[in-house]
Amino acid sequence: MDDNLTHKIEITISGSYTHGAKEHSRVVMAGDGGLEHMIDAFKASLVAAGFSLETARKLDSIDS
């Protein structure tokens, strides 16, 4: 990890759905550990889990 990137956020999402097999997505993002880093990782995990980019962008309204 780069010296400026002091934190690593890992988000794993798994779920068992009635329409098929267990699904899994994982996001790993290095950064400075600040609020923007945290929100960006969560937005990426939302998209990886199947939510729309528009839904993830709603988090941009959070004031960092």
PDB file of N, CA and C in Angstrom:
ATOM      1  N   MET A   1       0.857  -1.172   0.000  1.00  0.00           N
ATOM      2  CA  MET A   1       0.000   0.000   0.000  1.00  0.00           C
ATOM      3  C   MET A   1       0.902   1.234   0.000  1.00  0.00           C
ATOM      4  N   ASP A   2       0.578   2.223  -0.790  1.00  0.00           N
ATOM      5  CA  ASP A   2       1.279   3.504  -0.873  1.00  0.00           C
ATOM      6  C   ASP A   2       1.311   4.179   0.497  1.00  0.00           C
ATOM      7  N   ASP A   3       2.380   4.917   0.802  1.00  0.00           N
ATOM      8  CA  ASP A   3       2.510   5.587   2.102  1.00  0.00           C
ATOM      9  C   ASP A   3       1.377   6.564   2.379  1.00  0.00           C
ATOM     10  N   ASN A   4       0.826   7.188   1.334  1.00  0.00           N
ATOM     11  CA  ASN A   4      -0.274   8.143   1.504  1.00  0.00           C
ATOM     12  C   ASN A   4      -1.614   7.438   1.731  1.00  0.00           C
ATOM     13  N   LEU A   5      -1.662   6.186   1.385  1.00  0.00           N
ATOM     14  CA  LEU A   5      -2.889   5.413   1.523  1.00  0.00           C
ATOM     15  C   LEU A   5      -2.785   4.587   2.799  1.00  0.00           C
ATOM     16  N   THR A   6      -3.252   5.144   3.874  1.00  0.00           N
ATOM     17  CA  THR A   6      -3.047   4.569   5.198  1.00  0.00           C
ATOM     18  C   THR A   6      -4.107   3.566   5.625  1.00  0.00           C
ATOM     19  N   HIS A   7      -5.203   3.492   4.881  1.00  0.00           N
ATOM     20  CA  HIS A   7      -6.310   2.621   5.262  1.00  0.00           C
ATOM     21  C   HIS A   7      -6.748   1.762   4.067  1.00  0.00           C
ATOM     22  N   LYS A   8      -7.252   0.594   4.388  1.00  0.00           N
ATOM     23  CA  LYS A   8      -7.841  -0.268   3.364  1.00  0.00           C
ATOM     24  C   LYS A   8      -9.232  -0.653   3.846  1.00  0.00           C
ATOM     25  N   ILE A   9     -10.223  -0.399   3.023  1.00  0.00           N
ATOM     26  CA  ILE A   9     -11.600  -0.767   3.329  1.00  0.00           C
ATOM     27  C   ILE A   9     -11.952  -1.985   2.483  1.00  0.00           C
ATOM     28  N   GLU A  10     -12.489  -3.007   3.122  1.00  0.00           N
ATOM     29  CA  GLU A  10     -12.951  -4.202   2.426  1.00  0.00           C
ATOM     30  C   GLU A  10     -14.419  -4.409   2.772  1.00  0.00           C
ATOM     31  N   ILE A  11     -15.241  -4.489   1.746  1.00  0.00           N
ATOM     32  CA  ILE A  11     -16.671  -4.734   1.932  1.00  0.00           C
ATOM     33  C   ILE A  11     -17.032  -5.978   1.140  1.00  0.00           C
ATOM     34  N   THR A  12     -17.587  -6.947   1.817  1.00  0.00           N
ATOM     35  CA  THR A  12     -18.030  -8.178   1.164  1.00  0.00           C
ATOM     36  C   THR A  12     -19.537  -8.294   1.346  1.00  0.00           C
ATOM     37  N   ILE A  13     -20.215  -8.552   0.254  1.00  0.00           N
ATOM     38  CA  ILE A  13     -21.665  -8.690   0.275  1.00  0.00           C
ATOM     39  C   ILE A  13     -22.005 -10.079  -0.258  1.00  0.00           C
ATOM     40  N   SER A  14     -22.761 -10.827   0.523  1.00  0.00           N
ATOM     41  CA  SER A  14     -23.223 -12.128   0.041  1.00  0.00           C
ATOM     42  C   SER A  14     -24.676 -12.285   0.438  1.00  0.00           C
ATOM     43  N   GLY A  15     -25.369 -13.012  -0.368  1.00  0.00           N
ATOM     44  CA  GLY A  15     -26.782 -13.207  -0.087  1.00  0.00           C
ATOM     45  C   GLY A  15     -27.308 -14.451  -0.767  1.00  0.00           C
ATOM     46  N   SER A  16     -28.273 -15.042  -0.138  1.00  0.00           N
ATOM     47  CA  SER A  16     -28.965 -16.185  -0.741  1.00  0.00           C
ATOM     48  C   SER A  16     -30.317 -15.687  -1.235  1.00  0.00           C
ATOM     49  N   TYR A  17     -30.553 -15.866  -2.499  1.00  0.00           N
ATOM     50  CA  TYR A  17     -31.766 -15.360  -3.116  1.00  0.00           C
ATOM     51  C   TYR A  17     -32.644 -16.524  -3.564  1.00  0.00           C
ATOM     52  N   THR A  18     -33.941 -16.320  -3.518  1.00  0.00           N
ATOM     53  CA  THR A  18     -34.869 -17.389  -3.893  1.00  0.00           C
ATOM     54  C   THR A  18     -34.782 -17.732  -5.376  1.00  0.00           C
ATOM     55  N   HIS A  19     -34.313 -16.806  -6.200  1.00  0.00           N
ATOM     56  CA  HIS A  19     -34.291 -17.047  -7.644  1.00  0.00           C
ATOM     57  C   HIS A  19     -33.012 -17.717  -8.143  1.00  0.00           C
ATOM     58  N   GLY A  20     -32.074 -18.039  -7.258  1.00  0.00           N
ATOM     59  CA  GLY A  20     -30.863 -18.686  -7.745  1.00  0.00           C
ATOM     60  C   GLY A  20     -29.857 -18.939  -6.648  1.00  0.00           C
ATOM     61  N   ALA A  21     -28.638 -19.114  -7.083  1.00  0.00           N
ATOM     62  CA  ALA A  21     -27.562 -19.470  -6.164  1.00  0.00           C
ATOM     63  C   ALA A  21     -27.136 -18.284  -5.301  1.00  0.00           C
ATOM     64  N   LYS A  22     -26.355 -18.600  -4.289  1.00  0.00           N
ATOM     65  CA  LYS A  22     -25.796 -17.577  -3.421  1.00  0.00           C
ATOM     66  C   LYS A  22     -24.869 -16.691  -4.255  1.00  0.00           C
ATOM     67  N   GLU A  23     -25.004 -15.384  -4.100  1.00  0.00           N
ATOM     68  CA  GLU A  23     -24.194 -14.450  -4.862  1.00  0.00           C
ATOM     69  C   GLU A  23     -23.257 -13.711  -3.928  1.00  0.00           C
ATOM     70  N   HIS A  24     -22.167 -13.200  -4.497  1.00  0.00           N
ATOM     71  CA  HIS A  24     -21.113 -12.621  -3.685  1.00  0.00           C
ATOM     72  C   HIS A  24     -20.442 -11.484  -4.465  1.00  0.00           C
ATOM     73  N   SER A  25     -20.181 -10.375  -3.799  1.00  0.00           N
ATOM     74  CA  SER A  25     -19.365  -9.328  -4.398  1.00  0.00           C
ATOM     75  C   SER A  25     -18.440  -8.783  -3.320  1.00  0.00           C
ATOM     76  N   ARG A  26     -17.279  -8.310  -3.742  1.00  0.00           N
ATOM     77  CA  ARG A  26     -16.284  -7.811  -2.809  1.00  0.00           C
ATOM     78  C   ARG A  26     -15.639  -6.565  -3.384  1.00  0.00           C
ATOM     79  N   VAL A  27     -15.514  -5.542  -2.553  1.00  0.00           N
ATOM     80  CA  VAL A  27     -14.857  -4.301  -2.939  1.00  0.00           C
ATOM     81  C   VAL A  27     -13.718  -4.069  -1.958  1.00  0.00           C
ATOM     82  N   VAL A  28     -12.536  -3.769  -2.487  1.00  0.00           N
ATOM     83  CA  VAL A  28     -11.389  -3.420  -1.657  1.00  0.00           C
ATOM     84  C   VAL A  28     -10.862  -2.093  -2.184  1.00  0.00           C
ATOM     85  N   MET A  29     -10.734  -1.109  -1.283  1.00  0.00           N
ATOM     86  CA  MET A  29     -10.311   0.212  -1.719  1.00  0.00           C
ATOM     87  C   MET A  29      -9.328   0.795  -0.708  1.00  0.00           C
ATOM     88  N   ALA A  30      -8.120   1.144  -1.176  1.00  0.00           N
ATOM     89  CA  ALA A  30      -7.125   1.791  -0.330  1.00  0.00           C
ATOM     90  C   ALA A  30      -7.329   3.300  -0.400  1.00  0.00           C
ATOM     91  N   GLY A  31      -7.068   3.973   0.711  1.00  0.00           N
ATOM     92  CA  GLY A  31      -7.221   5.418   0.743  1.00  0.00           C
ATOM     93  C   GLY A  31      -6.715   5.999   2.047  1.00  0.00           C
ATOM     94  N   ASP A  32      -7.145   7.210   2.323  1.00  0.00           N
ATOM     95  CA  ASP A  32      -6.653   7.919   3.506  1.00  0.00           C
ATOM     96  C   ASP A  32      -7.516   7.702   4.745  1.00  0.00           C
ATOM     97  N   GLY A  33      -8.597   6.976   4.633  1.00  0.00           N
ATOM     98  CA  GLY A  33      -9.463   6.697   5.768  1.00  0.00           C
ATOM     99  C   GLY A  33     -10.435   7.809   6.111  1.00  0.00           C
ATOM    100  N   GLY A  34     -10.457   8.853   5.295  1.00  0.00           N
ATOM    101  CA  GLY A  34     -11.369   9.966   5.528  1.00  0.00           C
ATOM    102  C   GLY A  34     -12.792   9.636   5.094  1.00  0.00           C
ATOM    103  N   LEU A  35     -13.687  10.551   5.384  1.00  0.00           N
ATOM    104  CA  LEU A  35     -15.096  10.332   5.068  1.00  0.00           C
ATOM    105  C   LEU A  35     -15.315  10.094   3.578  1.00  0.00           C
ATOM    106  N   GLU A  36     -14.645  10.850   2.719  1.00  0.00           N
ATOM    107  CA  GLU A  36     -14.810  10.660   1.269  1.00  0.00           C
ATOM    108  C   GLU A  36     -14.376   9.252   0.854  1.00  0.00           C
ATOM    109  N   HIS A  37     -13.297   8.773   1.425  1.00  0.00           N
ATOM    110  CA  HIS A  37     -12.819   7.410   1.153  1.00  0.00           C
ATOM    111  C   HIS A  37     -13.871   6.386   1.570  1.00  0.00           C
ATOM    112  N   MET A  38     -14.440   6.576   2.764  1.00  0.00           N
ATOM    113  CA  MET A  38     -15.456   5.658   3.268  1.00  0.00           C
ATOM    114  C   MET A  38     -16.701   5.652   2.376  1.00  0.00           C
ATOM    115  N   ILE A  39     -17.160   6.837   1.999  1.00  0.00           N
ATOM    116  CA  ILE A  39     -18.363   6.946   1.165  1.00  0.00           C
ATOM    117  C   ILE A  39     -18.117   6.352  -0.214  1.00  0.00           C
ATOM    118  N   ASP A  40     -16.937   6.620  -0.800  1.00  0.00           N
ATOM    119  CA  ASP A  40     -16.621   6.064  -2.124  1.00  0.00           C
ATOM    120  C   ASP A  40     -16.613   4.541  -2.095  1.00  0.00           C
ATOM    121  N   ALA A  41     -16.070   3.962  -1.031  1.00  0.00           N
ATOM    122  CA  ALA A  41     -16.053   2.500  -0.918  1.00  0.00           C
ATOM    123  C   ALA A  41     -17.477   1.951  -0.801  1.00  0.00           C
ATOM    124  N   PHE A  42     -18.308   2.625  -0.027  1.00  0.00           N
ATOM    125  CA  PHE A  42     -19.687   2.167   0.125  1.00  0.00           C
ATOM    126  C   PHE A  42     -20.457   2.305  -1.186  1.00  0.00           C
ATOM    127  N   LYS A  43     -20.247   3.418  -1.911  1.00  0.00           N
ATOM    128  CA  LYS A  43     -20.907   3.587  -3.213  1.00  0.00           C
ATOM    129  C   LYS A  43     -20.488   2.471  -4.173  1.00  0.00           C
ATOM    130  N   ALA A  44     -19.204   2.142  -4.184  1.00  0.00           N
ATOM    131  CA  ALA A  44     -18.727   1.069  -5.061  1.00  0.00           C
ATOM    132  C   ALA A  44     -19.366  -0.263  -4.679  1.00  0.00           C
ATOM    133  N   SER A  45     -19.530  -0.495  -3.375  1.00  0.00           N
ATOM    134  CA  SER A  45     -20.142  -1.752  -2.944  1.00  0.00           C
ATOM    135  C   SER A  45     -21.616  -1.817  -3.322  1.00  0.00           C
ATOM    136  N   LEU A  46     -22.312  -0.681  -3.301  1.00  0.00           N
ATOM    137  CA  LEU A  46     -23.713  -0.659  -3.735  1.00  0.00           C
ATOM    138  C   LEU A  46     -23.831  -1.070  -5.198  1.00  0.00           C
ATOM    139  N   VAL A  47     -22.972  -0.508  -6.039  1.00  0.00           N
ATOM    140  CA  VAL A  47     -23.012  -0.827  -7.475  1.00  0.00           C
ATOM    141  C   VAL A  47     -22.629  -2.296  -7.689  1.00  0.00           C
ATOM    142  N   ALA A  48     -21.611  -2.774  -6.957  1.00  0.00           N
ATOM    143  CA  ALA A  48     -21.202  -4.176  -7.094  1.00  0.00           C
ATOM    144  C   ALA A  48     -22.317  -5.126  -6.677  1.00  0.00           C
ATOM    145  N   ALA A  49     -23.153  -4.678  -5.747  1.00  0.00           N
ATOM    146  CA  ALA A  49     -24.258  -5.514  -5.275  1.00  0.00           C
ATOM    147  C   ALA A  49     -25.479  -5.438  -6.182  1.00  0.00           C
ATOM    148  N   GLY A  50     -25.426  -4.591  -7.202  1.00  0.00           N
ATOM    149  CA  GLY A  50     -26.521  -4.552  -8.165  1.00  0.00           C
ATOM    150  C   GLY A  50     -27.397  -3.318  -8.116  1.00  0.00           C
ATOM    151  N   PHE A  51     -27.114  -2.376  -7.215  1.00  0.00           N
ATOM    152  CA  PHE A  51     -27.870  -1.122  -7.206  1.00  0.00           C
ATOM    153  C   PHE A  51     -27.401  -0.249  -8.364  1.00  0.00           C
ATOM    154  N   SER A  52     -28.251   0.640  -8.794  1.00  0.00           N
ATOM    155  CA  SER A  52     -27.896   1.496  -9.919  1.00  0.00           C
ATOM    156  C   SER A  52     -26.881   2.553  -9.502  1.00  0.00           C
ATOM    157  N   LEU A  53     -26.147   3.049 -10.479  1.00  0.00           N
ATOM    158  CA  LEU A  53     -25.204   4.138 -10.239  1.00  0.00           C
ATOM    159  C   LEU A  53     -25.936   5.373  -9.722  1.00  0.00           C
ATOM    160  N   GLU A  54     -27.148   5.595 -10.207  1.00  0.00           N
ATOM    161  CA  GLU A  54     -27.945   6.732  -9.743  1.00  0.00           C
ATOM    162  C   GLU A  54     -28.243   6.615  -8.244  1.00  0.00           C
ATOM    163  N   THR A  55     -28.536   5.413  -7.789  1.00  0.00           N
ATOM    164  CA  THR A  55     -28.775   5.195  -6.365  1.00  0.00           C
ATOM    165  C   THR A  55     -27.509   5.487  -5.566  1.00  0.00           C
ATOM    166  N   ALA A  56     -26.369   4.981  -6.023  1.00  0.00           N
ATOM    167  CA  ALA A  56     -25.103   5.224  -5.326  1.00  0.00           C
ATOM    168  C   ALA A  56     -24.759   6.709  -5.300  1.00  0.00           C
ATOM    169  N   ARG A  57     -25.071   7.403  -6.371  1.00  0.00           N
ATOM    170  CA  ARG A  57     -24.752   8.839  -6.443  1.00  0.00           C
ATOM    171  C   ARG A  57     -25.552   9.673  -5.450  1.00  0.00           C
ATOM    172  N   LYS A  58     -26.652   9.135  -4.939  1.00  0.00           N
ATOM    173  CA  LYS A  58     -27.410   9.870  -3.932  1.00  0.00           C
ATOM    174  C   LYS A  58     -26.575  10.140  -2.694  1.00  0.00           C
ATOM    175  N   LEU A  59     -25.562   9.329  -2.468  1.00  0.00           N
ATOM    176  CA  LEU A  59     -24.673   9.546  -1.330  1.00  0.00           C
ATOM    177  C   LEU A  59     -23.761  10.756  -1.535  1.00  0.00           C
ATOM    178  N   ASP A  60     -23.675  11.279  -2.756  1.00  0.00           N
ATOM    179  CA  ASP A  60     -22.867  12.474  -3.010  1.00  0.00           C
ATOM    180  C   ASP A  60     -23.418  13.684  -2.269  1.00  0.00           C
ATOM    181  N   SER A  61     -24.654  13.614  -1.863  1.00  0.00           N
ATOM    182  CA  SER A  61     -25.254  14.754  -1.161  1.00  0.00           C
ATOM    183  C   SER A  61     -24.794  14.838   0.298  1.00  0.00           C
ATOM    184  N   ILE A  62     -24.079  13.806   0.780  1.00  0.00           N
ATOM    185  CA  ILE A  62     -23.543  13.841   2.138  1.00  0.00           C
ATOM    186  C   ILE A  62     -22.380  14.810   2.146  1.00  0.00           C
ATOM    187  N   ASP A  63     -22.416  15.749   3.058  1.00  0.00           N
ATOM    188  CA  ASP A  63     -21.389  16.786   3.143  1.00  0.00           C
ATOM    189  C   ASP A  63     -20.172  16.262   3.867  1.00  0.00           C
ATOM    190  N   SER A  64     -19.043  16.213   3.168  1.00  0.00           N
ATOM    191  CA  SER A  64     -17.813  15.751   3.818  1.00  0.00           C
ATOM    192  C   SER A  64     -16.999  16.945   4.201  1.00  0.00           C
TER     193      SER A  64
END
